Structure formats: structure tokens, C-alpha cells
Amino acid sequence: MKTIVFFLALALPLLSEDFIVSYRAVMKDHRLYNENFQVARSMIAHQKSAVVAVFEIPADDTQSALKSIRQNSDRVIEELLQHKIMLTDTVSTHSETASTKTVVTLKALKISAAVKGDTVKIAVLED
């Protein structure tokens, strides 16, 4: 029994998948104009690096980490923006009317995700 538990503890990190995630949203006059969320499998395995944040999202029926991340993109974006946000804000006027343009950009982040039961555990890795 101890052998099985030891083997599972060693194999668990091997079950995680590495992804690259990025996000960009453009708002004009306080209305969302354009939004782009990208998630893709990493072409190379991420180096062992420090974990910046860890959170969980619900897993989909197929038990695929990639599909779960895409289906729960709002929750993933919310969690990621709490840790790595670059916000630019520009205001311009035209004919005595003011218009605003806000761009929210989340640079490409390395994440590692593993399906555990009915949740996907996501670890945001340091650059």
C-alpha cells in the first residue's frame, strides 16, 4: 500500500500539462469593444520555476484541462488579472465630447494544469 501511495505522489506532477495563456480587452467609452483570450499547449515543457498563484476551476465532462480552461475562461481571466495586470488608459476629446479608451493586457503567462477529480488545479508559474 505504501508503495502505491509513493508512486502516485511521484507521478502526480507528471500528469500536469503546460500551457501559455494571454488576454487582451479594449473598452471604448466604458463598453467592451474587443476581447481576446488565448490558451495553447506549450511546445516545450516549462522549467521548474516558482509558483506565483494556485487556483481551481471546475473540470468539464471529458476531463480535459484545455477544454476546462476554455469553458471557464471568465474565471481564469479573473484569477490571472489579480496577479499580473498591465492597464493602459487613454482619454481623448473631439468636438467638446470626451471619449475614453482603456486597454487591459495580460502578457503571456506560463501555467501548469492538472485534472484532479471534478476540478482542474492551475498553477501560475514565474517567468
N, C-alpha and C. Protein backbone atom coordinates (compact mmCIF):
# COMPACT_ATOMS: atom_id res chain seq x y z
N MET A 1 0.82 -1.20 0.00
CA MET A 1 0.00 0.00 0.00
C MET A 1 0.87 1.27 0.00
N LYS A 2 1.93 1.28 0.82
CA LYS A 2 2.81 2.43 0.88
C LYS A 2 3.50 2.64 -0.46
N THR A 3 3.80 1.55 -1.15
CA THR A 3 4.44 1.65 -2.46
C THR A 3 3.53 2.35 -3.46
N ILE A 4 2.25 2.04 -3.45
CA ILE A 4 1.29 2.65 -4.38
C ILE A 4 1.16 4.14 -4.09
N VAL A 5 1.03 4.51 -2.84
CA VAL A 5 0.91 5.92 -2.48
C VAL A 5 2.17 6.68 -2.88
N PHE A 6 3.34 6.11 -2.65
CA PHE A 6 4.60 6.73 -3.02
C PHE A 6 4.67 6.93 -4.53
N PHE A 7 4.26 5.92 -5.30
CA PHE A 7 4.28 6.01 -6.75
C PHE A 7 3.34 7.11 -7.24
N LEU A 8 2.13 7.21 -6.65
CA LEU A 8 1.19 8.25 -7.05
C LEU A 8 1.73 9.64 -6.73
N ALA A 9 2.40 9.78 -5.61
CA ALA A 9 2.98 11.08 -5.25
C ALA A 9 4.06 11.49 -6.25
N LEU A 10 4.81 10.53 -6.75
CA LEU A 10 5.84 10.85 -7.75
C LEU A 10 5.23 11.10 -9.12
N ALA A 11 4.15 10.40 -9.46
CA ALA A 11 3.56 10.50 -10.79
C ALA A 11 2.65 11.71 -10.94
N LEU A 12 2.12 12.27 -9.85
CA LEU A 12 1.16 13.36 -9.94
C LEU A 12 1.69 14.57 -10.70
N PRO A 13 2.91 15.04 -10.44
CA PRO A 13 3.41 16.16 -11.23
C PRO A 13 3.54 15.83 -12.71
N LEU A 14 3.73 14.57 -13.04
CA LEU A 14 3.85 14.17 -14.44
C LEU A 14 2.51 14.23 -15.16
N LEU A 15 1.40 14.22 -14.41
CA LEU A 15 0.08 14.26 -15.01
C LEU A 15 -0.35 15.67 -15.39
N SER A 16 0.39 16.68 -14.98
CA SER A 16 0.02 18.05 -15.30
C SER A 16 0.47 18.39 -16.72
N GLU A 17 -0.26 19.35 -17.32
CA GLU A 17 0.05 19.81 -18.66
C GLU A 17 0.48 21.27 -18.58
N ASP A 18 1.37 21.67 -19.49
CA ASP A 18 1.86 23.05 -19.52
C ASP A 18 1.15 23.82 -20.62
N PHE A 19 0.75 25.07 -20.29
CA PHE A 19 0.03 25.93 -21.23
C PHE A 19 0.61 27.33 -21.20
N ILE A 20 0.32 28.09 -22.26
CA ILE A 20 0.61 29.52 -22.33
C ILE A 20 -0.74 30.22 -22.47
N VAL A 21 -0.97 31.23 -21.62
CA VAL A 21 -2.25 31.94 -21.61
C VAL A 21 -2.00 33.43 -21.78
N SER A 22 -2.82 34.10 -22.60
CA SER A 22 -2.74 35.55 -22.74
C SER A 22 -4.16 36.12 -22.88
N TYR A 23 -4.28 37.42 -22.60
CA TYR A 23 -5.59 38.07 -22.63
C TYR A 23 -5.42 39.54 -22.98
N ARG A 24 -6.38 40.06 -23.75
CA ARG A 24 -6.39 41.48 -24.09
C ARG A 24 -7.84 41.92 -24.27
N ALA A 25 -8.19 43.05 -23.67
CA ALA A 25 -9.53 43.61 -23.81
C ALA A 25 -9.42 45.10 -24.09
N VAL A 26 -10.28 45.58 -25.00
CA VAL A 26 -10.32 47.00 -25.33
C VAL A 26 -11.73 47.50 -25.02
N MET A 27 -11.78 48.58 -24.22
CA MET A 27 -13.05 49.19 -23.88
C MET A 27 -13.04 50.62 -24.40
N LYS A 28 -14.11 51.00 -25.09
CA LYS A 28 -14.26 52.36 -25.57
C LYS A 28 -15.52 52.94 -24.94
N ASP A 29 -15.37 54.09 -24.31
CA ASP A 29 -16.47 54.76 -23.62
C ASP A 29 -17.20 53.80 -22.67
N HIS A 30 -16.42 53.06 -21.91
CA HIS A 30 -16.91 52.15 -20.87
C HIS A 30 -17.73 50.98 -21.41
N ARG A 31 -17.57 50.66 -22.67
CA ARG A 31 -18.22 49.49 -23.27
C ARG A 31 -17.14 48.58 -23.85
N LEU A 32 -17.31 47.30 -23.62
CA LEU A 32 -16.34 46.33 -24.13
C LEU A 32 -16.43 46.31 -25.65
N TYR A 33 -15.32 46.60 -26.29
CA TYR A 33 -15.27 46.68 -27.75
C TYR A 33 -14.68 45.43 -28.36
N ASN A 34 -13.63 44.92 -27.75
CA ASN A 34 -12.94 43.76 -28.29
C ASN A 34 -12.29 43.00 -27.13
N GLU A 35 -12.36 41.68 -27.18
CA GLU A 35 -11.77 40.85 -26.14
C GLU A 35 -11.14 39.62 -26.79
N ASN A 36 -9.96 39.25 -26.33
CA ASN A 36 -9.26 38.12 -26.91
C ASN A 36 -8.58 37.32 -25.80
N PHE A 37 -8.98 36.07 -25.64
CA PHE A 37 -8.39 35.15 -24.67
C PHE A 37 -7.78 33.99 -25.43
N GLN A 38 -6.50 33.76 -25.22
CA GLN A 38 -5.79 32.70 -25.92
C GLN A 38 -5.20 31.72 -24.92
N VAL A 39 -5.37 30.44 -25.17
CA VAL A 39 -4.73 29.40 -24.37
C VAL A 39 -4.28 28.32 -25.34
N ALA A 40 -3.04 27.89 -25.17
CA ALA A 40 -2.48 26.85 -26.05
C ALA A 40 -1.50 26.00 -25.26
N ARG A 41 -1.39 24.76 -25.68
CA ARG A 41 -0.39 23.89 -25.06
C ARG A 41 1.00 24.43 -25.37
N SER A 42 1.86 24.35 -24.40
CA SER A 42 3.23 24.80 -24.58
C SER A 42 3.97 23.80 -25.46
N MET A 43 4.79 24.32 -26.34
CA MET A 43 5.55 23.45 -27.24
C MET A 43 6.67 22.73 -26.51
N ILE A 44 7.15 23.33 -25.43
CA ILE A 44 8.19 22.71 -24.63
C ILE A 44 7.74 22.67 -23.18
N ALA A 45 8.26 21.74 -22.43
CA ALA A 45 7.91 21.63 -21.02
C ALA A 45 8.51 22.82 -20.27
N HIS A 46 7.73 23.40 -19.37
CA HIS A 46 8.21 24.53 -18.59
C HIS A 46 9.30 24.07 -17.62
N GLN A 47 10.29 24.90 -17.47
CA GLN A 47 11.33 24.65 -16.48
C GLN A 47 10.70 24.69 -15.10
N LYS A 48 11.30 24.01 -14.17
CA LYS A 48 10.84 24.10 -12.78
C LYS A 48 11.05 25.54 -12.31
N SER A 49 9.96 26.24 -12.06
CA SER A 49 10.07 27.62 -11.59
C SER A 49 9.09 27.84 -10.45
N ALA A 50 9.25 28.98 -9.79
CA ALA A 50 8.43 29.28 -8.63
C ALA A 50 6.97 29.45 -9.03
N VAL A 51 6.08 29.04 -8.15
CA VAL A 51 4.64 29.16 -8.38
C VAL A 51 4.19 30.51 -7.82
N VAL A 52 3.57 31.32 -8.67
CA VAL A 52 3.10 32.64 -8.29
C VAL A 52 1.73 32.55 -7.63
N ALA A 53 0.85 31.72 -8.18
CA ALA A 53 -0.51 31.58 -7.66
C ALA A 53 -1.05 30.21 -8.01
N VAL A 54 -1.99 29.74 -7.20
CA VAL A 54 -2.66 28.47 -7.45
C VAL A 54 -4.15 28.68 -7.25
N PHE A 55 -4.96 28.18 -8.19
CA PHE A 55 -6.40 28.24 -8.04
C PHE A 55 -7.03 27.05 -8.75
N GLU A 56 -8.31 26.83 -8.51
CA GLU A 56 -9.02 25.70 -9.10
C GLU A 56 -10.23 26.18 -9.87
N ILE A 57 -10.56 25.44 -10.94
CA ILE A 57 -11.78 25.68 -11.72
C ILE A 57 -12.48 24.33 -11.89
N PRO A 58 -13.77 24.34 -12.20
CA PRO A 58 -14.46 23.06 -12.42
C PRO A 58 -13.95 22.37 -13.68
N ALA A 59 -13.89 21.06 -13.66
CA ALA A 59 -13.49 20.28 -14.83
C ALA A 59 -14.72 19.98 -15.68
N ASP A 60 -14.52 19.87 -16.99
CA ASP A 60 -15.64 19.51 -17.85
C ASP A 60 -15.82 17.99 -17.86
N ASP A 61 -16.80 17.52 -18.57
CA ASP A 61 -17.13 16.09 -18.57
C ASP A 61 -16.04 15.22 -19.20
N THR A 62 -15.25 15.79 -20.11
CA THR A 62 -14.24 14.99 -20.80
C THR A 62 -12.95 14.88 -20.01
N GLN A 63 -12.88 15.58 -18.88
CA GLN A 63 -11.68 15.57 -18.03
C GLN A 63 -10.46 16.10 -18.78
N SER A 64 -10.65 17.07 -19.65
CA SER A 64 -9.55 17.70 -20.38
C SER A 64 -9.24 19.05 -19.75
N ALA A 65 -7.99 19.26 -19.38
CA ALA A 65 -7.60 20.53 -18.77
C ALA A 65 -7.78 21.68 -19.75
N LEU A 66 -7.41 21.48 -21.02
CA LEU A 66 -7.52 22.54 -22.02
C LEU A 66 -8.97 22.95 -22.23
N LYS A 67 -9.87 22.00 -22.38
CA LYS A 67 -11.29 22.31 -22.58
C LYS A 67 -11.88 22.99 -21.35
N SER A 68 -11.47 22.55 -20.18
CA SER A 68 -11.97 23.17 -18.94
C SER A 68 -11.52 24.62 -18.83
N ILE A 69 -10.27 24.89 -19.19
CA ILE A 69 -9.76 26.27 -19.15
C ILE A 69 -10.53 27.13 -20.12
N ARG A 70 -10.79 26.63 -21.32
CA ARG A 70 -11.54 27.41 -22.32
C ARG A 70 -12.98 27.63 -21.89
N GLN A 71 -13.63 26.61 -21.31
CA GLN A 71 -15.02 26.75 -20.87
C GLN A 71 -15.15 27.71 -19.69
N ASN A 72 -14.16 27.76 -18.83
CA ASN A 72 -14.19 28.62 -17.65
C ASN A 72 -13.28 29.82 -17.82
N SER A 73 -13.21 30.36 -19.03
CA SER A 73 -12.27 31.44 -19.32
C SER A 73 -12.52 32.67 -18.45
N ASP A 74 -13.77 32.99 -18.13
CA ASP A 74 -14.04 34.16 -17.29
C ASP A 74 -13.40 34.01 -15.92
N ARG A 75 -13.53 32.84 -15.34
CA ARG A 75 -12.94 32.59 -14.01
C ARG A 75 -11.41 32.62 -14.08
N VAL A 76 -10.86 32.04 -15.14
CA VAL A 76 -9.40 32.02 -15.32
C VAL A 76 -8.88 33.45 -15.48
N ILE A 77 -9.54 34.25 -16.31
CA ILE A 77 -9.12 35.64 -16.53
C ILE A 77 -9.18 36.42 -15.22
N GLU A 78 -10.26 36.25 -14.48
CA GLU A 78 -10.40 36.96 -13.20
C GLU A 78 -9.26 36.61 -12.24
N GLU A 79 -8.95 35.34 -12.14
CA GLU A 79 -7.86 34.91 -11.25
C GLU A 79 -6.51 35.44 -11.72
N LEU A 80 -6.26 35.37 -13.03
CA LEU A 80 -4.97 35.82 -13.57
C LEU A 80 -4.79 37.32 -13.46
N LEU A 81 -5.85 38.08 -13.68
CA LEU A 81 -5.74 39.53 -13.61
C LEU A 81 -5.44 40.02 -12.20
N GLN A 82 -5.77 39.22 -11.21
CA GLN A 82 -5.44 39.60 -9.84
C GLN A 82 -3.94 39.58 -9.59
N HIS A 83 -3.20 38.88 -10.44
CA HIS A 83 -1.78 38.71 -10.20
C HIS A 83 -0.88 39.42 -11.22
N LYS A 84 -1.28 39.50 -12.45
CA LYS A 84 -0.41 40.06 -13.49
C LYS A 84 -1.24 40.95 -14.42
N ILE A 85 -1.33 42.22 -14.13
CA ILE A 85 -2.13 43.10 -14.98
C ILE A 85 -1.30 44.29 -15.43
N MET A 86 -1.46 44.65 -16.68
CA MET A 86 -0.88 45.87 -17.20
C MET A 86 -2.03 46.66 -17.81
N LEU A 87 -2.38 47.76 -17.20
CA LEU A 87 -3.54 48.54 -17.60
C LEU A 87 -3.07 49.86 -18.19
N THR A 88 -3.51 50.15 -19.42
CA THR A 88 -3.22 51.44 -20.02
C THR A 88 -4.56 52.14 -20.26
N ASP A 89 -4.58 53.44 -20.06
CA ASP A 89 -5.82 54.20 -20.18
C ASP A 89 -5.52 55.48 -20.93
N THR A 90 -6.26 55.73 -22.00
CA THR A 90 -6.08 56.96 -22.75
C THR A 90 -7.43 57.68 -22.84
N VAL A 91 -7.39 58.99 -22.76
CA VAL A 91 -8.59 59.81 -22.87
C VAL A 91 -8.36 60.80 -23.99
N SER A 92 -9.33 60.90 -24.89
CA SER A 92 -9.21 61.87 -25.97
C SER A 92 -10.53 62.64 -26.10
N THR A 93 -10.44 63.88 -26.58
CA THR A 93 -11.65 64.70 -26.76
C THR A 93 -11.79 65.06 -28.23
N HIS A 94 -13.04 65.18 -28.65
CA HIS A 94 -13.32 65.53 -30.03
C HIS A 94 -14.63 66.32 -30.05
N SER A 95 -14.58 67.53 -30.51
CA SER A 95 -15.77 68.40 -30.60
C SER A 95 -16.50 68.51 -29.26
N GLU A 96 -15.76 68.85 -28.23
CA GLU A 96 -16.28 69.05 -26.89
C GLU A 96 -16.91 67.81 -26.25
N THR A 97 -16.67 66.66 -26.82
CA THR A 97 -17.13 65.41 -26.20
C THR A 97 -15.91 64.60 -25.82
N ALA A 98 -15.99 63.99 -24.71
CA ALA A 98 -14.86 63.18 -24.24
C ALA A 98 -15.13 61.72 -24.55
N SER A 99 -14.11 61.06 -24.99
CA SER A 99 -14.22 59.61 -25.20
C SER A 99 -13.03 58.96 -24.52
N THR A 100 -13.24 57.78 -24.00
CA THR A 100 -12.16 57.08 -23.32
C THR A 100 -11.89 55.77 -24.01
N LYS A 101 -10.66 55.36 -23.90
CA LYS A 101 -10.26 54.06 -24.44
C LYS A 101 -9.36 53.41 -23.39
N THR A 102 -9.75 52.25 -22.94
CA THR A 102 -8.97 51.51 -21.95
C THR A 102 -8.56 50.18 -22.54
N VAL A 103 -7.30 49.85 -22.41
CA VAL A 103 -6.79 48.58 -22.91
C VAL A 103 -6.23 47.80 -21.73
N VAL A 104 -6.75 46.60 -21.52
CA VAL A 104 -6.26 45.71 -20.48
C VAL A 104 -5.49 44.60 -21.16
N THR A 105 -4.23 44.46 -20.80
CA THR A 105 -3.39 43.44 -21.43
C THR A 105 -2.78 42.56 -20.36
N LEU A 106 -2.92 41.27 -20.54
CA LEU A 106 -2.28 40.28 -19.67
C LEU A 106 -1.23 39.59 -20.52
N LYS A 107 0.04 39.83 -20.21
CA LYS A 107 1.10 39.24 -21.02
C LYS A 107 1.02 37.72 -20.97
N ALA A 108 1.64 37.08 -21.90
CA ALA A 108 1.64 35.61 -21.95
C ALA A 108 2.22 35.04 -20.66
N LEU A 109 1.46 34.16 -20.05
CA LEU A 109 1.86 33.53 -18.80
C LEU A 109 2.03 32.04 -18.98
N LYS A 110 2.94 31.49 -18.23
CA LYS A 110 3.11 30.04 -18.20
C LYS A 110 2.24 29.49 -17.06
N ILE A 111 1.43 28.49 -17.38
CA ILE A 111 0.65 27.84 -16.34
C ILE A 111 0.80 26.34 -16.48
N SER A 112 0.58 25.65 -15.39
CA SER A 112 0.57 24.20 -15.37
C SER A 112 -0.77 23.79 -14.81
N ALA A 113 -1.47 22.86 -15.48
CA ALA A 113 -2.81 22.46 -15.06
C ALA A 113 -2.89 20.94 -14.98
N ALA A 114 -3.60 20.48 -13.96
CA ALA A 114 -3.81 19.04 -13.76
C ALA A 114 -5.25 18.81 -13.34
N VAL A 115 -5.88 17.82 -13.96
CA VAL A 115 -7.24 17.45 -13.61
C VAL A 115 -7.18 16.55 -12.39
N LYS A 116 -7.93 16.93 -11.35
CA LYS A 116 -7.99 16.15 -10.12
C LYS A 116 -9.45 15.99 -9.75
N GLY A 117 -10.03 14.85 -10.11
CA GLY A 117 -11.44 14.61 -9.83
C GLY A 117 -12.32 15.51 -10.67
N ASP A 118 -13.14 16.33 -10.01
CA ASP A 118 -14.05 17.21 -10.74
C ASP A 118 -13.54 18.65 -10.80
N THR A 119 -12.25 18.86 -10.52
CA THR A 119 -11.65 20.19 -10.62
C THR A 119 -10.34 20.13 -11.41
N VAL A 120 -9.96 21.29 -11.90
CA VAL A 120 -8.66 21.45 -12.56
C VAL A 120 -7.85 22.38 -11.68
N LYS A 121 -6.71 21.92 -11.21
CA LYS A 121 -5.83 22.75 -10.38
C LYS A 121 -4.83 23.44 -11.31
N ILE A 122 -4.81 24.77 -11.24
CA ILE A 122 -3.96 25.57 -12.12
C ILE A 122 -2.91 26.27 -11.27
N ALA A 123 -1.65 26.13 -11.68
CA ALA A 123 -0.54 26.82 -11.02
C ALA A 123 0.07 27.80 -12.01
N VAL A 124 0.09 29.08 -11.64
CA VAL A 124 0.72 30.11 -12.46
C VAL A 124 2.20 30.11 -12.12
N LEU A 125 3.04 29.96 -13.15
CA LEU A 125 4.48 29.85 -12.94
C LEU A 125 5.18 31.17 -13.19
N GLU A 126 6.22 31.41 -12.47
CA GLU A 126 7.02 32.62 -12.63
C GLU A 126 7.76 32.58 -13.95
N ASP A 127 7.95 33.76 -14.54
CA ASP A 127 8.68 33.84 -15.83
C ASP A 127 10.13 33.48 -15.68
